Amino acid sequence: MSRIDVQTLVAVFEKRIEALEKNPPDKVPMAVVIKMLSESIDQIIKEHFVHLVRKDIQKLINKEFLEMKREFVSKTVENILTDDDFREVLEKKIKNQVLENIK
Protein backbone atom coordinates (compact mmCIF):
# COMPACT_ATOMS: atom_id res chain seq x y z
CA MET A 1 0.00 0.00 0.00
CA SER A 2 1.13 3.51 -0.61
CA ARG A 3 1.67 6.13 2.03
CA ILE A 4 -0.76 8.87 2.80
CA ASP A 5 0.18 11.99 0.89
CA VAL A 6 1.82 14.48 3.24
CA GLN A 7 0.57 17.39 1.15
CA THR A 8 -2.99 16.20 1.69
CA LEU A 9 -2.47 16.12 5.45
CA VAL A 10 -0.94 19.60 5.36
CA ALA A 11 -3.90 20.87 3.33
CA VAL A 12 -6.33 19.44 5.89
CA PHE A 13 -4.42 21.07 8.74
CA GLU A 14 -4.45 24.37 6.85
CA LYS A 15 -8.23 24.14 6.47
CA ARG A 16 -8.59 23.45 10.18
CA ILE A 17 -6.25 26.32 11.03
CA GLU A 18 -8.33 28.65 8.85
CA ALA A 19 -11.39 27.54 10.81
CA LEU A 20 -9.56 28.29 14.04
CA GLU A 21 -8.59 31.75 12.82
CA LYS A 22 -12.28 32.55 12.41
CA ASN A 23 -12.75 31.52 16.04
CA PRO A 24 -9.44 32.33 17.77
CA PRO A 25 -8.05 29.71 20.16
CA ASP A 26 -8.58 31.87 23.20
CA LYS A 27 -12.31 31.54 22.53
CA VAL A 28 -12.11 27.84 21.60
CA PRO A 29 -11.08 25.26 24.20
CA MET A 30 -7.96 23.21 23.43
CA ALA A 31 -10.02 20.00 23.57
CA VAL A 32 -12.08 21.26 20.64
CA VAL A 33 -8.93 22.05 18.66
CA ILE A 34 -7.48 18.60 19.35
CA LYS A 35 -10.78 16.96 18.43
CA MET A 36 -10.96 18.89 15.13
CA LEU A 37 -7.42 17.88 14.20
CA SER A 38 -8.01 14.27 15.23
CA GLU A 39 -11.20 14.05 13.18
CA SER A 40 -9.50 15.56 10.16
CA ILE A 41 -6.68 13.01 10.37
CA ASP A 42 -9.19 10.16 10.73
CA GLN A 43 -11.13 11.46 7.75
CA ILE A 44 -8.03 11.70 5.54
CA ILE A 45 -6.85 8.22 6.54
CA LYS A 46 -10.30 6.81 5.78
CA GLU A 47 -10.42 8.55 2.39
CA HIS A 48 -6.94 7.27 1.61
CA PHE A 49 -7.84 3.65 2.28
CA VAL A 50 -11.16 3.95 0.45
CA HIS A 51 -9.21 5.30 -2.53
CA LEU A 52 -6.77 2.37 -2.35
CA VAL A 53 -9.61 -0.16 -2.16
CA ARG A 54 -11.39 1.42 -5.13
CA LYS A 55 -8.17 1.38 -7.11
CA ASP A 56 -7.58 -2.32 -6.31
CA ILE A 57 -11.17 -3.23 -7.17
CA GLN A 58 -10.91 -1.37 -10.48
CA LYS A 59 -7.73 -3.29 -11.35
CA LEU A 60 -9.38 -6.61 -10.50
CA ILE A 61 -12.47 -5.77 -12.55
CA ASN A 62 -10.35 -4.79 -15.55
CA LYS A 63 -8.28 -7.97 -15.24
CA GLU A 64 -11.39 -10.16 -15.01
CA PHE A 65 -13.02 -8.38 -17.94
CA LEU A 66 -9.94 -8.90 -20.12
CA GLU A 67 -9.89 -12.59 -19.23
CA MET A 68 -13.59 -12.95 -20.11
CA LYS A 69 -12.98 -11.09 -23.37
CA ARG A 70 -10.09 -13.40 -24.31
CA GLU A 71 -12.18 -16.48 -23.56
CA PHE A 72 -15.10 -15.15 -25.59
CA VAL A 73 -12.98 -14.26 -28.62
CA SER A 74 -11.13 -17.57 -28.49
CA LYS A 75 -14.31 -19.64 -28.27
CA THR A 76 -16.04 -17.59 -30.97
CA VAL A 77 -13.15 -17.93 -33.41
CA GLU A 78 -12.86 -21.63 -32.66
CA ASN A 79 -16.59 -22.17 -33.30
CA ILE A 80 -16.44 -20.24 -36.56
CA LEU A 81 -13.43 -22.12 -37.84
CA THR A 82 -14.76 -25.55 -36.86
CA ASP A 83 -18.10 -24.99 -38.57
CA ASP A 84 -18.23 -27.18 -41.69
CA ASP A 85 -20.85 -25.07 -43.48
CA PHE A 86 -18.86 -21.91 -42.96
CA ARG A 87 -15.68 -23.56 -44.20
CA GLU A 88 -17.42 -24.81 -47.35
CA VAL A 89 -18.90 -21.39 -48.12
CA LEU A 90 -15.54 -19.73 -47.54
CA GLU A 91 -13.75 -22.27 -49.74
CA LYS A 92 -16.24 -21.69 -52.57
CA LYS A 93 -15.84 -17.90 -52.33
CA ILE A 94 -12.05 -18.12 -52.36
CA LYS A 95 -12.12 -20.60 -55.24
CA ASN A 96 -14.45 -18.38 -57.28
CA GLN A 97 -12.32 -15.29 -56.66
CA VAL A 98 -9.14 -17.11 -57.66
CA LEU A 99 -10.81 -18.34 -60.84
CA GLU A 100 -12.11 -14.86 -61.68
CA ASN A 101 -8.67 -13.33 -61.15
CA ILE A 102 -7.07 -15.90 -63.43
CA LYS A 103 -9.44 -15.01 -66.32
C-alpha atoms as a PDB file:
ATOM      1  CA  MET A   1       0.000   0.000   0.000  1.00  0.00           C
ATOM      2  CA  SER A   2       1.127   3.508  -0.608  1.00  0.00           C
ATOM      3  CA  ARG A   3       1.670   6.132   2.031  1.00  0.00           C
ATOM      4  CA  ILE A   4      -0.763   8.871   2.798  1.00  0.00           C
ATOM      5  CA  ASP A   5       0.176  11.990   0.891  1.00  0.00           C
ATOM      6  CA  VAL A   6       1.821  14.479   3.241  1.00  0.00           C
ATOM      7  CA  GLN A   7       0.574  17.389   1.149  1.00  0.00           C
ATOM      8  CA  THR A   8      -2.986  16.198   1.690  1.00  0.00           C
ATOM      9  CA  LEU A   9      -2.475  16.123   5.449  1.00  0.00           C
ATOM     10  CA  VAL A  10      -0.941  19.596   5.364  1.00  0.00           C
ATOM     11  CA  ALA A  11      -3.904  20.873   3.332  1.00  0.00           C
ATOM     12  CA  VAL A  12      -6.326  19.444   5.893  1.00  0.00           C
ATOM     13  CA  PHE A  13      -4.419  21.070   8.736  1.00  0.00           C
ATOM     14  CA  GLU A  14      -4.448  24.370   6.850  1.00  0.00           C
ATOM     15  CA  LYS A  15      -8.229  24.145   6.473  1.00  0.00           C
ATOM     16  CA  ARG A  16      -8.593  23.446  10.176  1.00  0.00           C
ATOM     17  CA  ILE A  17      -6.248  26.317  11.034  1.00  0.00           C
ATOM     18  CA  GLU A  18      -8.328  28.652   8.855  1.00  0.00           C
ATOM     19  CA  ALA A  19     -11.394  27.535  10.809  1.00  0.00           C
ATOM     20  CA  LEU A  20      -9.559  28.294  14.039  1.00  0.00           C
ATOM     21  CA  GLU A  21      -8.589  31.751  12.816  1.00  0.00           C
ATOM     22  CA  LYS A  22     -12.275  32.549  12.408  1.00  0.00           C
ATOM     23  CA  ASN A  23     -12.746  31.523  16.041  1.00  0.00           C
ATOM     24  CA  PRO A  24      -9.440  32.330  17.773  1.00  0.00           C
ATOM     25  CA  PRO A  25      -8.047  29.705  20.161  1.00  0.00           C
ATOM     26  CA  ASP A  26      -8.576  31.873  23.196  1.00  0.00           C
ATOM     27  CA  LYS A  27     -12.306  31.544  22.534  1.00  0.00           C
ATOM     28  CA  VAL A  28     -12.111  27.841  21.601  1.00  0.00           C
ATOM     29  CA  PRO A  29     -11.079  25.260  24.205  1.00  0.00           C
ATOM     30  CA  MET A  30      -7.957  23.210  23.428  1.00  0.00           C
ATOM     31  CA  ALA A  31     -10.018  20.005  23.567  1.00  0.00           C
ATOM     32  CA  VAL A  32     -12.082  21.261  20.639  1.00  0.00           C
ATOM     33  CA  VAL A  33      -8.928  22.054  18.660  1.00  0.00           C
ATOM     34  CA  ILE A  34      -7.480  18.604  19.348  1.00  0.00           C
ATOM     35  CA  LYS A  35     -10.783  16.958  18.428  1.00  0.00           C
ATOM     36  CA  MET A  36     -10.959  18.890  15.133  1.00  0.00           C
ATOM     37  CA  LEU A  37      -7.420  17.884  14.195  1.00  0.00           C
ATOM     38  CA  SER A  38      -8.010  14.271  15.233  1.00  0.00           C
ATOM     39  CA  GLU A  39     -11.202  14.052  13.184  1.00  0.00           C
ATOM     40  CA  SER A  40      -9.495  15.562  10.155  1.00  0.00           C
ATOM     41  CA  ILE A  41      -6.678  13.012  10.367  1.00  0.00           C
ATOM     42  CA  ASP A  42      -9.190  10.160  10.729  1.00  0.00           C
ATOM     43  CA  GLN A  43     -11.128  11.464   7.747  1.00  0.00           C
ATOM     44  CA  ILE A  44      -8.029  11.696   5.538  1.00  0.00           C
ATOM     45  CA  ILE A  45      -6.854   8.224   6.539  1.00  0.00           C
ATOM     46  CA  LYS A  46     -10.302   6.813   5.780  1.00  0.00           C
ATOM     47  CA  GLU A  47     -10.425   8.555   2.387  1.00  0.00           C
ATOM     48  CA  HIS A  48      -6.940   7.270   1.608  1.00  0.00           C
ATOM     49  CA  PHE A  49      -7.845   3.652   2.282  1.00  0.00           C
ATOM     50  CA  VAL A  50     -11.156   3.954   0.448  1.00  0.00           C
ATOM     51  CA  HIS A  51      -9.207   5.301  -2.532  1.00  0.00           C
ATOM     52  CA  LEU A  52      -6.772   2.365  -2.351  1.00  0.00           C
ATOM     53  CA  VAL A  53      -9.605  -0.164  -2.156  1.00  0.00           C
ATOM     54  CA  ARG A  54     -11.387   1.420  -5.129  1.00  0.00           C
ATOM     55  CA  LYS A  55      -8.166   1.377  -7.108  1.00  0.00           C
ATOM     56  CA  ASP A  56      -7.584  -2.322  -6.310  1.00  0.00           C
ATOM     57  CA  ILE A  57     -11.166  -3.228  -7.169  1.00  0.00           C
ATOM     58  CA  GLN A  58     -10.909  -1.371 -10.484  1.00  0.00           C
ATOM     59  CA  LYS A  59      -7.734  -3.287 -11.354  1.00  0.00           C
ATOM     60  CA  LEU A  60      -9.383  -6.608 -10.497  1.00  0.00           C
ATOM     61  CA  ILE A  61     -12.474  -5.774 -12.550  1.00  0.00           C
ATOM     62  CA  ASN A  62     -10.354  -4.794 -15.551  1.00  0.00           C
ATOM     63  CA  LYS A  63      -8.284  -7.966 -15.237  1.00  0.00           C
ATOM     64  CA  GLU A  64     -11.392 -10.160 -15.011  1.00  0.00           C
ATOM     65  CA  PHE A  65     -13.023  -8.376 -17.941  1.00  0.00           C
ATOM     66  CA  LEU A  66      -9.943  -8.903 -20.120  1.00  0.00           C
ATOM     67  CA  GLU A  67      -9.891 -12.593 -19.233  1.00  0.00           C
ATOM     68  CA  MET A  68     -13.587 -12.946 -20.108  1.00  0.00           C
ATOM     69  CA  LYS A  69     -12.977 -11.092 -23.367  1.00  0.00           C
ATOM     70  CA  ARG A  70     -10.093 -13.403 -24.305  1.00  0.00           C
ATOM     71  CA  GLU A  71     -12.183 -16.479 -23.562  1.00  0.00           C
ATOM     72  CA  PHE A  72     -15.104 -15.148 -25.588  1.00  0.00           C
ATOM     73  CA  VAL A  73     -12.983 -14.264 -28.616  1.00  0.00           C
ATOM     74  CA  SER A  74     -11.131 -17.570 -28.489  1.00  0.00           C
ATOM     75  CA  LYS A  75     -14.310 -19.642 -28.271  1.00  0.00           C
ATOM     76  CA  THR A  76     -16.042 -17.594 -30.969  1.00  0.00           C
ATOM     77  CA  VAL A  77     -13.152 -17.934 -33.412  1.00  0.00           C
ATOM     78  CA  GLU A  78     -12.862 -21.633 -32.660  1.00  0.00           C
ATOM     79  CA  ASN A  79     -16.585 -22.166 -33.297  1.00  0.00           C
ATOM     80  CA  ILE A  80     -16.441 -20.238 -36.560  1.00  0.00           C
ATOM     81  CA  LEU A  81     -13.429 -22.124 -37.836  1.00  0.00           C
ATOM     82  CA  THR A  82     -14.757 -25.550 -36.863  1.00  0.00           C
ATOM     83  CA  ASP A  83     -18.104 -24.994 -38.567  1.00  0.00           C
ATOM     84  CA  ASP A  84     -18.227 -27.176 -41.694  1.00  0.00           C
ATOM     85  CA  ASP A  85     -20.854 -25.069 -43.477  1.00  0.00           C
ATOM     86  CA  PHE A  86     -18.864 -21.908 -42.959  1.00  0.00           C
ATOM     87  CA  ARG A  87     -15.685 -23.561 -44.205  1.00  0.00           C
ATOM     88  CA  GLU A  88     -17.421 -24.809 -47.353  1.00  0.00           C
ATOM     89  CA  VAL A  89     -18.903 -21.389 -48.116  1.00  0.00           C
ATOM     90  CA  LEU A  90     -15.542 -19.734 -47.541  1.00  0.00           C
ATOM     91  CA  GLU A  91     -13.752 -22.271 -49.736  1.00  0.00           C
ATOM     92  CA  LYS A  92     -16.244 -21.688 -52.575  1.00  0.00           C
ATOM     93  CA  LYS A  93     -15.842 -17.903 -52.327  1.00  0.00           C
ATOM     94  CA  ILE A  94     -12.051 -18.123 -52.362  1.00  0.00           C
ATOM     95  CA  LYS A  95     -12.124 -20.601 -55.238  1.00  0.00           C
ATOM     96  CA  ASN A  96     -14.447 -18.384 -57.281  1.00  0.00           C
ATOM     97  CA  GLN A  97     -12.318 -15.292 -56.664  1.00  0.00           C
ATOM     98  CA  VAL A  98      -9.143 -17.114 -57.660  1.00  0.00           C
ATOM     99  CA  LEU A  99     -10.805 -18.336 -60.843  1.00  0.00           C
ATOM    100  CA  GLU A 100     -12.113 -14.859 -61.676  1.00  0.00           C
ATOM    101  CA  ASN A 101      -8.673 -13.327 -61.146  1.00  0.00           C
ATOM    102  CA  ILE A 102      -7.070 -15.898 -63.431  1.00  0.00           C
ATOM    103  CA  LYS A 103      -9.444 -15.008 -66.315  1.00  0.00           C
END
